[in-house]
Structures are given as structure tokens and as C-alpha cells.
Amino acid sequence: MKDTWGHTFIIAALILIVFGGLFFLFSKKEQSVCYQGRCFRAEVADNESARQRGLMNRQSLDYDKGMLFVFGGPGKYSFWMKNTLISLDIIWMDGDGKIVDIKEGAMPCGKNYCESYTPKAPAKYVLEINAGMAKETGMKIGDKL
């Protein structure tokens, strides 16, 4: 009888570990990023792997969604559209959320060479949203998100 309970415990523990790992793997961190009452639900890319993957290979992006890239400190972080299938606006912000640069309408790129977009000033955060949304909301350099 003791072995049966031991095996049951081990199997239950393994099931919990597997489901916990799957939950962790597929759960996405989200952060609301707002500008003048308009909010975007942004997936947070706060580690090297998530930042490198970004919005690659996505067929679409909901109207009110985006991706927020979080870096350890300020820098001139360049972005490109390699394997990105949708046009995006790229908004660089400093540590206080002030917009330091905007690239409107960055186009998809599937070629070997893709244009790289570098901000004019150091940034700590970068928000990617659907192309045209920065203009639609009226975002400008110097504004705060």
C-alpha cells in the first residue's frame, strides 16, 4: 500500500510540474500603456529572448494591442522589421515615459537585408503598435505616455 501512495504522489507532482511549466510558458505579461486616455494592452518583452522575438511572424495585431520592450537602462536601441508581417509604429521613450522618437509606418521586411531604425535620443522603453496609431492618437516627440 505504501508504494501505491508513493507512486500516486510522484505522478501527481509530475502533473503539477508539467501544467505549471506550460502555464508559465504560455502566460504573457501585459502592461497598459496610455496616451491621453487611449490605452494599449501591451505584451511586455523584458528579457533578451522576448525582445529578439518581438512581433515576428504575427499575422495581425489587435487594434488596441502592442508590445512594450523594456531595457535595463537608457540606450539607442535599434529595431528592424525582419520576419515581421505587419506594419508598425515604433515609439521610443525615456525612463519617465516621455517620447524621444517615433518611426511611423515601419514596413515588413522578409529579405536578407532590412533597414534598421535607431532613435535620435536614448530610450529605456519602446512601444510597437499598429501602423498609423501614433498619428491617429496624436503622439509627438516630447509627449508622455
N, C-alpha and C. Protein backbone atom coordinates (compact mmCIF):
# COMPACT_ATOMS: atom_id res chain seq x y z
N MET A 1 0.83 -1.19 0.00
CA MET A 1 0.00 0.00 0.00
C MET A 1 0.87 1.25 0.00
N LYS A 2 1.99 1.19 0.67
CA LYS A 2 2.89 2.34 0.76
C LYS A 2 3.40 2.74 -0.63
N ASP A 3 3.77 1.73 -1.44
CA ASP A 3 4.27 2.02 -2.78
C ASP A 3 3.22 2.68 -3.65
N THR A 4 1.97 2.27 -3.52
CA THR A 4 0.90 2.86 -4.32
C THR A 4 0.76 4.34 -4.01
N TRP A 5 0.77 4.71 -2.74
CA TRP A 5 0.69 6.13 -2.36
C TRP A 5 1.92 6.89 -2.85
N GLY A 6 3.05 6.28 -2.76
CA GLY A 6 4.28 6.93 -3.23
C GLY A 6 4.23 7.20 -4.72
N HIS A 7 3.79 6.20 -5.49
CA HIS A 7 3.67 6.37 -6.94
C HIS A 7 2.62 7.43 -7.28
N THR A 8 1.51 7.40 -6.57
CA THR A 8 0.45 8.39 -6.80
C THR A 8 0.96 9.79 -6.53
N PHE A 9 1.71 9.94 -5.44
CA PHE A 9 2.26 11.25 -5.10
C PHE A 9 3.23 11.72 -6.18
N ILE A 10 4.09 10.85 -6.65
CA ILE A 10 5.07 11.21 -7.68
C ILE A 10 4.36 11.60 -8.97
N ILE A 11 3.35 10.84 -9.37
CA ILE A 11 2.60 11.15 -10.60
C ILE A 11 1.88 12.48 -10.45
N ALA A 12 1.25 12.72 -9.31
CA ALA A 12 0.56 13.99 -9.08
C ALA A 12 1.53 15.16 -9.13
N ALA A 13 2.70 14.99 -8.52
CA ALA A 13 3.72 16.04 -8.51
C ALA A 13 4.19 16.33 -9.94
N LEU A 14 4.41 15.29 -10.73
CA LEU A 14 4.85 15.48 -12.12
C LEU A 14 3.77 16.21 -12.94
N ILE A 15 2.52 15.86 -12.73
CA ILE A 15 1.43 16.53 -13.45
C ILE A 15 1.41 18.01 -13.09
N LEU A 16 1.55 18.33 -11.80
CA LEU A 16 1.57 19.73 -11.37
C LEU A 16 2.74 20.48 -11.98
N ILE A 17 3.89 19.84 -12.03
CA ILE A 17 5.08 20.48 -12.60
C ILE A 17 4.87 20.75 -14.09
N VAL A 18 4.34 19.77 -14.82
CA VAL A 18 4.12 19.94 -16.26
C VAL A 18 3.12 21.05 -16.52
N PHE A 19 1.96 21.03 -15.84
CA PHE A 19 0.96 22.06 -16.07
C PHE A 19 1.43 23.44 -15.61
N GLY A 20 2.16 23.48 -14.51
CA GLY A 20 2.73 24.74 -14.05
C GLY A 20 3.71 25.30 -15.06
N GLY A 21 4.55 24.43 -15.62
CA GLY A 21 5.50 24.86 -16.64
C GLY A 21 4.81 25.36 -17.90
N LEU A 22 3.76 24.67 -18.33
CA LEU A 22 3.01 25.11 -19.50
C LEU A 22 2.34 26.45 -19.25
N PHE A 23 1.77 26.63 -18.05
CA PHE A 23 1.14 27.90 -17.71
C PHE A 23 2.18 29.02 -17.78
N PHE A 24 3.35 28.78 -17.19
CA PHE A 24 4.42 29.79 -17.19
C PHE A 24 4.87 30.09 -18.62
N LEU A 25 5.00 29.04 -19.42
CA LEU A 25 5.47 29.20 -20.80
C LEU A 25 4.50 30.02 -21.64
N PHE A 26 3.21 29.77 -21.47
CA PHE A 26 2.22 30.42 -22.32
C PHE A 26 1.59 31.66 -21.72
N SER A 27 1.87 31.94 -20.46
CA SER A 27 1.31 33.16 -19.89
C SER A 27 2.16 34.34 -20.36
N LYS A 28 1.49 35.42 -20.69
CA LYS A 28 2.19 36.60 -21.19
C LYS A 28 1.98 37.74 -20.21
N LYS A 29 3.05 38.45 -19.96
CA LYS A 29 2.94 39.64 -19.14
C LYS A 29 2.35 40.74 -20.01
N GLU A 30 1.41 41.49 -19.45
CA GLU A 30 0.84 42.63 -20.17
C GLU A 30 0.91 43.87 -19.31
N GLN A 31 1.01 45.00 -19.98
CA GLN A 31 1.06 46.30 -19.31
C GLN A 31 0.22 47.26 -20.13
N SER A 32 -0.62 48.02 -19.47
CA SER A 32 -1.37 49.06 -20.19
C SER A 32 -0.46 50.27 -20.38
N VAL A 33 -0.41 50.76 -21.60
CA VAL A 33 0.35 51.96 -21.93
C VAL A 33 -0.67 52.95 -22.49
N CYS A 34 -0.82 54.09 -21.82
CA CYS A 34 -1.88 55.03 -22.16
C CYS A 34 -1.33 56.38 -22.62
N TYR A 35 -2.08 56.98 -23.52
CA TYR A 35 -1.77 58.32 -24.01
C TYR A 35 -3.08 59.08 -24.15
N GLN A 36 -3.24 60.12 -23.39
CA GLN A 36 -4.43 60.97 -23.42
C GLN A 36 -5.73 60.16 -23.39
N GLY A 37 -5.80 59.22 -22.46
CA GLY A 37 -7.00 58.41 -22.27
C GLY A 37 -7.14 57.23 -23.21
N ARG A 38 -6.25 57.09 -24.16
CA ARG A 38 -6.26 55.95 -25.08
C ARG A 38 -5.22 54.95 -24.61
N CYS A 39 -5.65 53.72 -24.29
CA CYS A 39 -4.73 52.72 -23.75
C CYS A 39 -4.52 51.57 -24.72
N PHE A 40 -3.29 51.09 -24.73
CA PHE A 40 -2.91 49.90 -25.48
C PHE A 40 -2.53 48.82 -24.48
N ARG A 41 -3.04 47.61 -24.68
CA ARG A 41 -2.63 46.48 -23.85
C ARG A 41 -1.40 45.88 -24.52
N ALA A 42 -0.27 46.09 -23.88
CA ALA A 42 1.00 45.70 -24.50
C ALA A 42 1.60 44.48 -23.82
N GLU A 43 1.98 43.50 -24.64
CA GLU A 43 2.78 42.39 -24.13
C GLU A 43 4.12 42.97 -23.72
N VAL A 44 4.67 42.50 -22.62
CA VAL A 44 5.94 43.01 -22.13
C VAL A 44 7.07 42.09 -22.58
N ALA A 45 8.05 42.67 -23.25
CA ALA A 45 9.26 41.96 -23.66
C ALA A 45 10.39 42.51 -22.80
N ASP A 46 10.67 41.83 -21.69
CA ASP A 46 11.64 42.35 -20.73
C ASP A 46 12.86 41.47 -20.55
N ASN A 47 13.06 40.53 -21.48
CA ASN A 47 14.30 39.74 -21.46
C ASN A 47 14.80 39.62 -22.89
N GLU A 48 16.03 39.21 -23.05
CA GLU A 48 16.69 39.19 -24.36
C GLU A 48 15.92 38.34 -25.38
N SER A 49 15.48 37.18 -24.97
CA SER A 49 14.76 36.29 -25.88
C SER A 49 13.46 36.93 -26.38
N ALA A 50 12.67 37.49 -25.48
CA ALA A 50 11.40 38.13 -25.86
C ALA A 50 11.64 39.36 -26.72
N ARG A 51 12.70 40.13 -26.40
CA ARG A 51 12.99 41.33 -27.20
C ARG A 51 13.44 40.94 -28.61
N GLN A 52 14.21 39.87 -28.75
CA GLN A 52 14.65 39.44 -30.08
C GLN A 52 13.49 38.92 -30.91
N ARG A 53 12.56 38.22 -30.30
CA ARG A 53 11.41 37.65 -30.99
C ARG A 53 10.40 38.75 -31.35
N GLY A 54 10.18 39.67 -30.42
CA GLY A 54 9.27 40.78 -30.67
C GLY A 54 7.95 40.35 -31.28
N LEU A 55 7.54 41.03 -32.32
CA LEU A 55 6.28 40.72 -33.00
C LEU A 55 6.50 39.95 -34.31
N MET A 56 7.64 39.27 -34.41
CA MET A 56 7.93 38.48 -35.60
C MET A 56 6.85 37.43 -35.85
N ASN A 57 6.58 37.22 -37.13
CA ASN A 57 5.70 36.15 -37.61
C ASN A 57 4.25 36.26 -37.14
N ARG A 58 3.84 37.41 -36.65
CA ARG A 58 2.43 37.62 -36.27
C ARG A 58 1.66 38.03 -37.52
N GLN A 59 0.54 37.40 -37.74
CA GLN A 59 -0.30 37.71 -38.90
C GLN A 59 -1.06 39.01 -38.71
N SER A 60 -1.34 39.36 -37.45
CA SER A 60 -2.11 40.56 -37.17
C SER A 60 -1.85 41.00 -35.73
N LEU A 61 -2.32 42.19 -35.42
CA LEU A 61 -2.22 42.75 -34.08
C LEU A 61 -3.53 43.47 -33.82
N ASP A 62 -4.22 43.08 -32.75
CA ASP A 62 -5.50 43.73 -32.44
C ASP A 62 -5.32 45.24 -32.35
N TYR A 63 -6.38 45.95 -32.66
CA TYR A 63 -6.42 47.42 -32.70
C TYR A 63 -5.84 48.07 -31.45
N ASP A 64 -6.17 47.51 -30.28
CA ASP A 64 -5.76 48.11 -29.00
C ASP A 64 -4.59 47.40 -28.35
N LYS A 65 -3.83 46.64 -29.13
CA LYS A 65 -2.71 45.89 -28.56
C LYS A 65 -1.38 46.42 -29.07
N GLY A 66 -0.32 45.96 -28.43
CA GLY A 66 1.03 46.34 -28.83
C GLY A 66 2.04 45.50 -28.08
N MET A 67 3.30 45.88 -28.19
CA MET A 67 4.36 45.23 -27.43
C MET A 67 5.24 46.32 -26.82
N LEU A 68 5.51 46.16 -25.53
CA LEU A 68 6.36 47.09 -24.80
C LEU A 68 7.69 46.42 -24.53
N PHE A 69 8.76 46.98 -25.09
CA PHE A 69 10.11 46.47 -24.87
C PHE A 69 10.70 47.23 -23.70
N VAL A 70 11.19 46.51 -22.72
CA VAL A 70 11.76 47.11 -21.51
C VAL A 70 13.25 46.76 -21.47
N PHE A 71 14.09 47.78 -21.39
CA PHE A 71 15.53 47.59 -21.34
C PHE A 71 16.06 47.94 -19.96
N GLY A 72 17.22 47.42 -19.61
CA GLY A 72 17.82 47.63 -18.30
C GLY A 72 18.20 49.07 -18.01
N GLY A 73 18.48 49.83 -19.03
CA GLY A 73 18.88 51.23 -18.87
C GLY A 73 18.73 51.95 -20.19
N PRO A 74 18.94 53.25 -20.19
CA PRO A 74 18.78 54.02 -21.42
C PRO A 74 19.85 53.68 -22.45
N GLY A 75 19.46 53.72 -23.72
CA GLY A 75 20.38 53.46 -24.82
C GLY A 75 19.69 53.74 -26.13
N LYS A 76 20.44 53.75 -27.20
CA LYS A 76 19.89 53.96 -28.54
C LYS A 76 19.63 52.58 -29.16
N TYR A 77 18.52 51.97 -28.74
CA TYR A 77 18.17 50.62 -29.17
C TYR A 77 17.55 50.66 -30.56
N SER A 78 18.21 49.95 -31.49
CA SER A 78 17.75 49.89 -32.87
C SER A 78 16.75 48.76 -33.06
N PHE A 79 15.81 48.97 -33.97
CA PHE A 79 14.81 47.96 -34.30
C PHE A 79 14.80 47.77 -35.80
N TRP A 80 14.46 46.56 -36.22
CA TRP A 80 14.27 46.27 -37.62
C TRP A 80 13.03 45.41 -37.76
N MET A 81 12.58 45.20 -38.98
CA MET A 81 11.32 44.53 -39.23
C MET A 81 11.50 43.14 -39.84
N LYS A 82 12.65 42.53 -39.61
CA LYS A 82 12.93 41.19 -40.14
C LYS A 82 11.86 40.21 -39.67
N ASN A 83 11.27 39.49 -40.61
CA ASN A 83 10.22 38.49 -40.34
C ASN A 83 8.99 39.06 -39.63
N THR A 84 8.82 40.37 -39.69
CA THR A 84 7.62 41.00 -39.14
C THR A 84 6.65 41.15 -40.30
N LEU A 85 5.44 40.68 -40.12
CA LEU A 85 4.48 40.59 -41.22
C LEU A 85 3.50 41.76 -41.28
N ILE A 86 3.53 42.62 -40.26
CA ILE A 86 2.59 43.75 -40.19
C ILE A 86 3.36 45.06 -40.06
N SER A 87 2.79 46.13 -40.59
CA SER A 87 3.41 47.46 -40.46
C SER A 87 3.18 47.97 -39.04
N LEU A 88 4.18 48.65 -38.51
CA LEU A 88 4.12 49.10 -37.12
C LEU A 88 4.59 50.54 -36.97
N ASP A 89 4.12 51.19 -35.92
CA ASP A 89 4.71 52.43 -35.43
C ASP A 89 5.60 52.04 -34.27
N ILE A 90 6.80 52.61 -34.22
CA ILE A 90 7.76 52.33 -33.16
C ILE A 90 7.97 53.61 -32.37
N ILE A 91 7.69 53.56 -31.07
CA ILE A 91 7.77 54.75 -30.21
C ILE A 91 8.81 54.50 -29.13
N TRP A 92 9.88 55.29 -29.13
CA TRP A 92 10.93 55.19 -28.11
C TRP A 92 10.63 56.18 -27.00
N MET A 93 10.77 55.72 -25.74
CA MET A 93 10.50 56.57 -24.57
C MET A 93 11.65 56.49 -23.58
N ASP A 94 11.85 57.60 -22.86
CA ASP A 94 12.87 57.59 -21.81
C ASP A 94 12.31 56.92 -20.55
N GLY A 95 13.07 56.91 -19.48
CA GLY A 95 12.68 56.26 -18.24
C GLY A 95 11.44 56.83 -17.59
N ASP A 96 11.06 58.06 -17.95
CA ASP A 96 9.86 58.70 -17.41
C ASP A 96 8.65 58.54 -18.32
N GLY A 97 8.82 57.84 -19.45
CA GLY A 97 7.72 57.65 -20.38
C GLY A 97 7.57 58.76 -21.40
N LYS A 98 8.54 59.68 -21.45
CA LYS A 98 8.50 60.77 -22.43
C LYS A 98 8.99 60.24 -23.78
N ILE A 99 8.23 60.54 -24.83
CA ILE A 99 8.59 60.09 -26.17
C ILE A 99 9.83 60.84 -26.65
N VAL A 100 10.86 60.07 -27.03
CA VAL A 100 12.10 60.68 -27.53
C VAL A 100 12.24 60.53 -29.04
N ASP A 101 11.47 59.59 -29.64
CA ASP A 101 11.48 59.44 -31.09
C ASP A 101 10.32 58.55 -31.51
N ILE A 102 9.90 58.71 -32.75
CA ILE A 102 8.81 57.90 -33.32
C ILE A 102 9.19 57.54 -34.75
N LYS A 103 9.01 56.29 -35.11
CA LYS A 103 9.11 55.84 -36.51
C LYS A 103 7.71 55.38 -36.89
N GLU A 104 7.05 56.15 -37.73
CA GLU A 104 5.71 55.80 -38.18
C GLU A 104 5.77 54.90 -39.40
N GLY A 105 4.92 53.90 -39.41
CA GLY A 105 4.75 53.05 -40.59
C GLY A 105 5.96 52.24 -41.00
N ALA A 106 6.67 51.65 -40.04
CA ALA A 106 7.77 50.75 -40.39
C ALA A 106 7.18 49.55 -41.12
N MET A 107 7.70 49.28 -42.31
CA MET A 107 7.13 48.26 -43.19
C MET A 107 7.77 46.89 -42.95
N PRO A 108 6.99 45.82 -43.19
CA PRO A 108 7.53 44.46 -43.06
C PRO A 108 8.74 44.25 -43.95
N CYS A 109 9.59 43.33 -43.53
CA CYS A 109 10.80 43.02 -44.28
C CYS A 109 11.06 41.53 -44.19
N GLY A 110 11.13 40.87 -45.31
CA GLY A 110 11.42 39.44 -45.32
C GLY A 110 12.73 39.12 -46.01
N LYS A 111 13.42 40.15 -46.49
CA LYS A 111 14.66 39.97 -47.23
C LYS A 111 15.83 39.71 -46.27
N ASN A 112 16.99 39.46 -46.85
CA ASN A 112 18.18 39.26 -46.04
C ASN A 112 18.65 40.56 -45.40
N TYR A 113 18.45 41.69 -46.11
CA TYR A 113 18.85 42.97 -45.55
C TYR A 113 17.59 43.77 -45.25
N CYS A 114 17.47 44.22 -44.02
CA CYS A 114 16.34 45.04 -43.60
C CYS A 114 16.88 46.34 -43.00
N GLU A 115 16.14 47.43 -43.25
CA GLU A 115 16.51 48.71 -42.69
C GLU A 115 16.43 48.65 -41.16
N SER A 116 17.36 49.33 -40.51
CA SER A 116 17.38 49.40 -39.05
C SER A 116 16.97 50.80 -38.63
N TYR A 117 16.11 50.90 -37.63
CA TYR A 117 15.61 52.19 -37.14
C TYR A 117 16.22 52.46 -35.77
N THR A 118 16.95 53.56 -35.65
CA THR A 118 17.62 53.94 -34.42
C THR A 118 17.07 55.28 -33.95
N PRO A 119 16.77 55.40 -32.66
CA PRO A 119 16.21 56.67 -32.17
C PRO A 119 17.24 57.78 -32.15
N LYS A 120 16.74 59.02 -32.14
CA LYS A 120 17.62 60.19 -32.09
C LYS A 120 18.19 60.41 -30.70
N ALA A 121 17.52 59.86 -29.68
CA ALA A 121 17.95 60.05 -28.28
C ALA A 121 17.84 58.71 -27.55
N PRO A 122 18.57 58.56 -26.45
CA PRO A 122 18.48 57.32 -25.67
C PRO A 122 17.07 57.07 -25.15
N ALA A 123 16.72 55.79 -25.08
CA ALA A 123 15.40 55.38 -24.59
C ALA A 123 15.57 54.20 -23.65
N LYS A 124 14.60 54.01 -22.78
CA LYS A 124 14.57 52.83 -21.89
C LYS A 124 13.44 51.89 -22.29
N TYR A 125 12.39 52.46 -22.93
CA TYR A 125 11.23 51.68 -23.33
C TYR A 125 10.94 51.93 -24.81
N VAL A 126 10.39 50.91 -25.45
CA VAL A 126 9.95 51.05 -26.83
C VAL A 126 8.58 50.39 -26.94
N LEU A 127 7.64 51.12 -27.52
CA LEU A 127 6.31 50.59 -27.74
C LEU A 127 6.09 50.40 -29.24
N GLU A 128 5.67 49.20 -29.63
CA GLU A 128 5.29 48.93 -31.01
C GLU A 128 3.78 48.75 -31.04
N ILE A 129 3.13 49.49 -31.95
CA ILE A 129 1.69 49.42 -32.14
C ILE A 129 1.41 49.39 -33.64
N ASN A 130 0.18 49.11 -34.01
CA ASN A 130 -0.18 49.09 -35.43
C ASN A 130 0.17 50.41 -36.11
N ALA A 131 0.64 50.31 -37.34
CA ALA A 131 0.99 51.50 -38.12
C ALA A 131 -0.22 52.43 -38.20
N GLY A 132 0.05 53.71 -38.02
CA GLY A 132 -0.98 54.73 -38.09
C GLY A 132 -1.56 55.12 -36.75
N MET A 133 -1.34 54.31 -35.73
CA MET A 133 -1.93 54.58 -34.41
C MET A 133 -1.27 55.78 -33.73
N ALA A 134 0.03 55.97 -33.93
CA ALA A 134 0.70 57.13 -33.32
C ALA A 134 0.10 58.42 -33.87
N LYS A 135 -0.11 58.47 -35.16
CA LYS A 135 -0.70 59.65 -35.79
C LYS A 135 -2.17 59.80 -35.37
N GLU A 136 -2.91 58.68 -35.37
CA GLU A 136 -4.33 58.72 -35.00
C GLU A 136 -4.54 59.26 -33.59
N THR A 137 -3.64 58.91 -32.68
CA THR A 137 -3.78 59.37 -31.29
C THR A 137 -3.13 60.73 -31.07
N GLY A 138 -2.33 61.19 -32.05
CA GLY A 138 -1.69 62.49 -31.93
C GLY A 138 -0.37 62.49 -31.18
N MET A 139 0.27 61.34 -31.05
CA MET A 139 1.54 61.26 -30.32
C MET A 139 2.60 62.09 -31.03
N LYS A 140 3.40 62.81 -30.20
CA LYS A 140 4.51 63.62 -30.71
C LYS A 140 5.71 63.48 -29.79
N ILE A 141 6.89 63.73 -30.32
CA ILE A 141 8.10 63.73 -29.50
C ILE A 141 7.92 64.76 -28.40
N GLY A 142 8.27 64.38 -27.19
CA GLY A 142 8.12 65.25 -26.02
C GLY A 142 6.87 64.94 -25.19
N ASP A 143 5.88 64.26 -25.82
CA ASP A 143 4.69 63.85 -25.08
C ASP A 143 5.03 62.71 -24.14
N LYS A 144 4.18 62.50 -23.14
CA LYS A 144 4.42 61.45 -22.16
C LYS A 144 3.34 60.39 -22.23
N LEU A 145 3.76 59.14 -22.19
CA LEU A 145 2.84 58.01 -22.15
C LEU A 145 2.77 57.50 -20.72
